[in-house]
C-alpha cells in the first residue's frame, strides 16, 4: 500500500481500519503506522501554528490597548499642566467674540 492510496482512502477511514485490525501484512502495517504518524504530526503542527497566530493577534491587541491608554494619560497630564494657558486662551477667544 502506498501513501497515495492511503491519501485516497482518507485519514479517518485509514485510522478506523487500523484500529479495527484490517492491516495484517507487516510491510503494510509499517507503512500505515508511519503514514498515520506523519498525519498526526502534520495536524499537531497546524494546530500549533493556529494557536501561535491567535496568540500573536491577542498580544498585538493588548499592546494597542496599552498604547492607547498611555496616549490618553499623556494627553490628560499635558492638559492638566497647561490648564492656565488653556484658560487664558479661552478667555481671550471669548473676549474677542464679546466685542
N, C-alpha and C. Protein backbone atom coordinates (compact mmCIF):
# COMPACT_ATOMS: atom_id res chain seq x y z
N UNK A 1 0.86 -1.17 0.00
CA UNK A 1 0.00 0.00 0.00
C UNK A 1 0.91 1.23 0.00
N UNK A 2 0.55 2.21 -0.84
CA UNK A 2 1.37 3.41 -0.96
C UNK A 2 0.71 4.58 -0.26
N UNK A 3 1.49 5.62 -0.10
CA UNK A 3 0.95 6.84 0.53
C UNK A 3 -0.19 7.42 -0.29
N UNK A 4 -0.08 7.35 -1.61
CA UNK A 4 -1.14 7.87 -2.48
C UNK A 4 -2.45 7.12 -2.25
N UNK A 5 -2.35 5.81 -2.10
CA UNK A 5 -3.55 5.01 -1.84
C UNK A 5 -4.15 5.37 -0.47
N UNK A 6 -3.28 5.57 0.51
CA UNK A 6 -3.77 5.95 1.84
C UNK A 6 -4.42 7.33 1.80
N UNK A 7 -3.82 8.26 1.04
CA UNK A 7 -4.40 9.60 0.90
C UNK A 7 -5.79 9.51 0.27
N UNK A 8 -5.90 8.62 -0.71
CA UNK A 8 -7.18 8.44 -1.40
C UNK A 8 -8.25 7.92 -0.45
N UNK A 9 -7.87 7.01 0.43
CA UNK A 9 -8.82 6.45 1.40
C UNK A 9 -9.21 7.51 2.42
N UNK A 10 -8.24 8.30 2.87
CA UNK A 10 -8.52 9.35 3.84
C UNK A 10 -8.09 8.95 5.25
N UNK A 11 -7.74 9.96 6.03
CA UNK A 11 -7.20 9.73 7.37
C UNK A 11 -8.17 8.99 8.27
N UNK A 12 -9.41 9.45 8.30
CA UNK A 12 -10.38 8.86 9.23
C UNK A 12 -10.61 7.38 8.93
N UNK A 13 -10.75 7.06 7.65
CA UNK A 13 -11.01 5.66 7.27
C UNK A 13 -9.78 4.79 7.52
N UNK A 14 -8.58 5.28 7.22
CA UNK A 14 -7.36 4.50 7.46
C UNK A 14 -7.20 4.25 8.95
N UNK A 15 -7.42 5.28 9.76
CA UNK A 15 -7.32 5.12 11.21
C UNK A 15 -8.35 4.11 11.72
N UNK A 16 -9.56 4.18 11.18
CA UNK A 16 -10.61 3.24 11.57
C UNK A 16 -10.21 1.80 11.22
N UNK A 17 -9.70 1.64 10.01
CA UNK A 17 -9.28 0.29 9.58
C UNK A 17 -8.10 -0.20 10.42
N UNK A 18 -7.18 0.71 10.74
CA UNK A 18 -6.02 0.34 11.56
C UNK A 18 -6.47 -0.10 12.95
N UNK A 19 -7.36 0.68 13.56
CA UNK A 19 -7.84 0.34 14.90
C UNK A 19 -8.66 -0.95 14.89
N UNK A 20 -9.32 -1.20 13.78
CA UNK A 20 -10.13 -2.41 13.65
C UNK A 20 -9.26 -3.63 13.42
N UNK A 21 -8.00 -3.43 12.97
CA UNK A 21 -7.08 -4.53 12.75
C UNK A 21 -7.11 -5.08 11.35
N UNK A 22 -7.47 -4.27 10.37
CA UNK A 22 -7.57 -4.73 8.99
C UNK A 22 -6.21 -4.95 8.33
N UNK A 23 -5.18 -4.33 8.84
CA UNK A 23 -3.86 -4.43 8.21
C UNK A 23 -3.05 -5.52 8.92
N UNK A 24 -2.74 -6.59 8.18
CA UNK A 24 -2.04 -7.73 8.77
C UNK A 24 -0.61 -7.89 8.24
N UNK A 25 -0.40 -7.54 6.99
CA UNK A 25 0.91 -7.68 6.37
C UNK A 25 1.89 -6.73 7.09
N UNK A 26 3.04 -7.24 7.57
CA UNK A 26 3.98 -6.40 8.32
C UNK A 26 4.44 -5.16 7.54
N UNK A 27 4.69 -5.31 6.25
CA UNK A 27 5.14 -4.16 5.45
C UNK A 27 4.01 -3.13 5.34
N UNK A 28 2.80 -3.64 5.11
CA UNK A 28 1.65 -2.75 5.01
C UNK A 28 1.37 -2.06 6.35
N UNK A 29 1.46 -2.82 7.42
CA UNK A 29 1.24 -2.29 8.76
C UNK A 29 2.26 -1.19 9.07
N UNK A 30 3.51 -1.43 8.69
CA UNK A 30 4.56 -0.44 8.92
C UNK A 30 4.27 0.85 8.13
N UNK A 31 3.86 0.70 6.89
CA UNK A 31 3.53 1.85 6.05
C UNK A 31 2.36 2.63 6.62
N UNK A 32 1.33 1.93 7.07
CA UNK A 32 0.14 2.58 7.63
C UNK A 32 0.49 3.30 8.93
N UNK A 33 1.27 2.66 9.80
CA UNK A 33 1.67 3.30 11.06
C UNK A 33 2.47 4.58 10.80
N UNK A 34 3.40 4.49 9.83
CA UNK A 34 4.21 5.66 9.50
C UNK A 34 3.33 6.78 8.94
N UNK A 35 2.41 6.41 8.05
CA UNK A 35 1.54 7.39 7.43
C UNK A 35 0.64 8.06 8.47
N UNK A 36 0.07 7.29 9.36
CA UNK A 36 -0.78 7.85 10.42
C UNK A 36 0.05 8.77 11.32
N UNK A 37 1.27 8.34 11.67
CA UNK A 37 2.15 9.18 12.49
C UNK A 37 2.47 10.50 11.80
N UNK A 38 2.75 10.43 10.49
CA UNK A 38 3.02 11.66 9.73
C UNK A 38 1.82 12.59 9.74
N UNK A 39 0.64 12.02 9.54
CA UNK A 39 -0.58 12.83 9.53
C UNK A 39 -0.85 13.44 10.91
N UNK A 40 -0.60 12.67 11.97
CA UNK A 40 -0.79 13.19 13.33
C UNK A 40 0.17 14.35 13.60
N UNK A 41 1.43 14.21 13.18
CA UNK A 41 2.41 15.29 13.35
C UNK A 41 2.00 16.53 12.54
N UNK A 42 1.50 16.30 11.34
CA UNK A 42 1.05 17.40 10.49
C UNK A 42 -0.12 18.14 11.14
N UNK A 43 -1.08 17.39 11.67
CA UNK A 43 -2.23 18.01 12.35
C UNK A 43 -1.79 18.79 13.59
N UNK A 44 -0.86 18.24 14.35
CA UNK A 44 -0.35 18.92 15.54
C UNK A 44 0.36 20.21 15.14
N UNK A 45 1.18 20.14 14.09
CA UNK A 45 1.89 21.32 13.62
C UNK A 45 0.91 22.41 13.18
N UNK A 46 -0.13 22.05 12.44
CA UNK A 46 -1.12 23.03 12.00
C UNK A 46 -1.87 23.63 13.19
N UNK A 47 -2.19 22.81 14.18
CA UNK A 47 -2.86 23.32 15.37
C UNK A 47 -1.94 24.27 16.14
N UNK A 48 -0.66 23.94 16.24
CA UNK A 48 0.30 24.83 16.90
C UNK A 48 0.43 26.15 16.16
N UNK A 49 0.45 26.10 14.84
CA UNK A 49 0.52 27.33 14.04
C UNK A 49 -0.72 28.20 14.26
N UNK A 50 -1.87 27.57 14.32
CA UNK A 50 -3.11 28.33 14.53
C UNK A 50 -3.11 28.98 15.91
N UNK A 51 -2.67 28.22 16.94
CA UNK A 51 -2.59 28.80 18.29
C UNK A 51 -1.60 29.95 18.34
N UNK A 52 -0.47 29.81 17.66
CA UNK A 52 0.54 30.88 17.64
C UNK A 52 -0.01 32.11 16.94
N UNK A 53 -0.75 31.91 15.89
CA UNK A 53 -1.34 33.03 15.15
C UNK A 53 -2.34 33.78 16.02
N UNK A 54 -3.18 33.04 16.71
CA UNK A 54 -4.18 33.66 17.59
C UNK A 54 -3.48 34.36 18.74
N UNK A 55 -2.47 33.74 19.29
CA UNK A 55 -1.72 34.34 20.40
C UNK A 55 -1.06 35.64 19.98
N UNK A 56 -0.48 35.66 18.79
CA UNK A 56 0.16 36.89 18.30
C UNK A 56 -0.86 38.00 18.12
N UNK A 57 -2.03 37.66 17.62
CA UNK A 57 -3.08 38.67 17.43
C UNK A 57 -3.55 39.21 18.78
N UNK A 58 -3.71 38.34 19.76
CA UNK A 58 -4.14 38.79 21.08
C UNK A 58 -3.08 39.69 21.72
N UNK A 59 -1.82 39.34 21.55
CA UNK A 59 -0.73 40.16 22.10
C UNK A 59 -0.69 41.52 21.43
N UNK A 60 -0.89 41.56 20.13
CA UNK A 60 -0.92 42.84 19.41
C UNK A 60 -2.10 43.69 19.88
N UNK A 61 -3.22 43.05 20.14
CA UNK A 61 -4.40 43.77 20.63
C UNK A 61 -4.12 44.38 22.00
N UNK A 62 -3.48 43.61 22.89
CA UNK A 62 -3.13 44.13 24.22
C UNK A 62 -2.16 45.29 24.11
N UNK A 63 -1.18 45.17 23.23
CA UNK A 63 -0.20 46.25 23.06
C UNK A 63 -0.87 47.51 22.53
N UNK A 64 -1.81 47.35 21.62
CA UNK A 64 -2.52 48.51 21.07
C UNK A 64 -3.36 49.19 22.16
N UNK A 65 -4.01 48.40 22.99
CA UNK A 65 -4.80 48.98 24.09
C UNK A 65 -3.91 49.73 25.07
N UNK A 66 -2.74 49.14 25.39
CA UNK A 66 -1.79 49.81 26.29
C UNK A 66 -1.31 51.12 25.69
N UNK A 67 -1.02 51.12 24.41
CA UNK A 67 -0.55 52.34 23.74
C UNK A 67 -1.64 53.41 23.75
N UNK A 68 -2.87 53.01 23.54
CA UNK A 68 -3.99 53.96 23.59
C UNK A 68 -4.15 54.56 24.98
N UNK A 69 -4.02 53.72 26.00
CA UNK A 69 -4.12 54.20 27.38
C UNK A 69 -2.99 55.17 27.71
N UNK A 70 -1.78 54.84 27.27
CA UNK A 70 -0.65 55.73 27.52
C UNK A 70 -0.83 57.08 26.82
N UNK A 71 -1.36 57.03 25.61
CA UNK A 71 -1.61 58.28 24.87
C UNK A 71 -2.65 59.12 25.59
N UNK A 72 -3.70 58.48 26.09
CA UNK A 72 -4.74 59.21 26.81
C UNK A 72 -4.17 59.83 28.09
N UNK A 73 -3.38 59.05 28.82
CA UNK A 73 -2.77 59.58 30.04
C UNK A 73 -1.82 60.74 29.74
N UNK A 74 -1.07 60.66 28.65
CA UNK A 74 -0.17 61.75 28.27
C UNK A 74 -0.98 63.00 27.94
N UNK A 75 -2.09 62.84 27.24
CA UNK A 75 -2.96 63.98 26.93
C UNK A 75 -3.53 64.58 28.20
N UNK A 76 -3.97 63.75 29.10
CA UNK A 76 -4.54 64.22 30.36
C UNK A 76 -3.50 64.99 31.17
N UNK A 77 -2.30 64.45 31.29
CA UNK A 77 -1.24 65.11 32.06
C UNK A 77 -0.85 66.44 31.41
N UNK A 78 -0.72 66.46 30.09
CA UNK A 78 -0.35 67.71 29.43
C UNK A 78 -1.46 68.74 29.55
N UNK A 79 -2.72 68.31 29.54
CA UNK A 79 -3.84 69.24 29.71
C UNK A 79 -3.83 69.82 31.11
N UNK A 80 -3.61 68.98 32.11
CA UNK A 80 -3.56 69.46 33.49
C UNK A 80 -2.41 70.43 33.68
N UNK A 81 -1.26 70.12 33.12
CA UNK A 81 -0.11 71.00 33.31
C UNK A 81 -0.24 72.31 32.53
N UNK A 82 -1.07 72.34 31.50
CA UNK A 82 -1.21 73.56 30.70
C UNK A 82 -2.56 74.23 30.93
N UNK A 83 -3.20 73.95 32.05
CA UNK A 83 -4.55 74.48 32.26
C UNK A 83 -4.58 76.00 32.33
N UNK A 84 -3.54 76.63 32.89
CA UNK A 84 -3.54 78.09 32.97
C UNK A 84 -3.47 78.70 31.57
N UNK A 85 -2.65 78.13 30.71
CA UNK A 85 -2.56 78.63 29.34
C UNK A 85 -3.87 78.39 28.58
N UNK A 86 -4.51 77.25 28.83
CA UNK A 86 -5.77 76.95 28.17
C UNK A 86 -6.85 77.92 28.62
N UNK A 87 -6.91 78.18 29.92
CA UNK A 87 -7.90 79.12 30.45
C UNK A 87 -7.66 80.51 29.87
N UNK A 88 -6.41 80.95 29.81
CA UNK A 88 -6.10 82.27 29.24
C UNK A 88 -6.50 82.34 27.78
N UNK A 89 -6.25 81.26 27.03
CA UNK A 89 -6.62 81.23 25.61
C UNK A 89 -8.13 81.30 25.44
N UNK A 90 -8.87 80.52 26.23
CA UNK A 90 -10.34 80.52 26.14
C UNK A 90 -10.89 81.90 26.50
N UNK A 91 -10.34 82.52 27.53
CA UNK A 91 -10.80 83.86 27.91
C UNK A 91 -10.53 84.86 26.80
N UNK A 92 -9.38 84.78 26.16
CA UNK A 92 -9.05 85.69 25.06
C UNK A 92 -10.01 85.49 23.89
N UNK A 93 -10.34 84.24 23.59
CA UNK A 93 -11.28 83.97 22.49
C UNK A 93 -12.65 84.51 22.83
N UNK A 94 -13.10 84.30 24.07
CA UNK A 94 -14.43 84.78 24.48
C UNK A 94 -14.48 86.31 24.45
N UNK A 95 -13.41 86.97 24.86
CA UNK A 95 -13.35 88.45 24.82
C UNK A 95 -13.43 88.95 23.39
N UNK A 96 -12.78 88.26 22.48
CA UNK A 96 -12.79 88.73 21.09
C UNK A 96 -14.16 88.57 20.47
N UNK A 97 -14.95 87.60 20.90
CA UNK A 97 -16.31 87.43 20.37
C UNK A 97 -17.32 88.36 21.07
N UNK A 98 -17.02 88.79 22.28
CA UNK A 98 -17.97 89.62 23.02
C UNK A 98 -17.90 91.09 22.60
N UNK A 99 -16.93 91.52 21.84
CA UNK A 99 -16.81 92.92 21.41
C UNK A 99 -17.74 93.26 20.34
